[in-house]
């Protein structure tokens, strides 16, 4: 045990962790406490979070839950502890990364920074844990050639575009390619005028 303490002290002396480091905490099993059917932040954890936020230290929340579930379960309580600053959130085994933050009109919202879809093998692994995997999920295969154009136009009308989903240069470029197709009736894949 002496070696571990020595290594820890050496780390703390040689790094900026004590003044600048972030804390990552797991939500389920660490932070949450069930009491009379209601989940809340455990009292000792709340005291520690209060101290950390008082020192200006970021606390990253890691959970298997969906962001909306985090907001509904303890969003207001955690946001109060965070001095109403955005809360960094790593959700669903790292597949969604972003911030829980206040919105002018909607209360707390999740602002996604990155999303990484699960691979088919990961989905199969999750489903295998259910008693009736075949009855748990329904898979729809849409005929791309017959529904793409109408679907893309409907999404575009609702301002759901590559640029709004992926706010980077690649997302903008993909959106511009669709703009060519949608507004100017030009199909960049076929390199010809597309039917309206």
Foldseek 3Di string as FASTA:
>chain_A
DVVVVVVVVVVVVPDCCVQANAAEDECPPQQWDADPNAIDGDPVVLVVLLVCLVSVHAYEYEYLDDPVCCCVRCVVVVCVSNVQDWHWYQYNVNQWTFTFHQDPPDGTDTDTPHGHDDDPVVVVVVLVPDPDSVVPDDDDDDDCVVCVVVVVVVCVVVVNALCVVHVDPVSVVRRVQVCCCPVVQANPVVRGRHDD
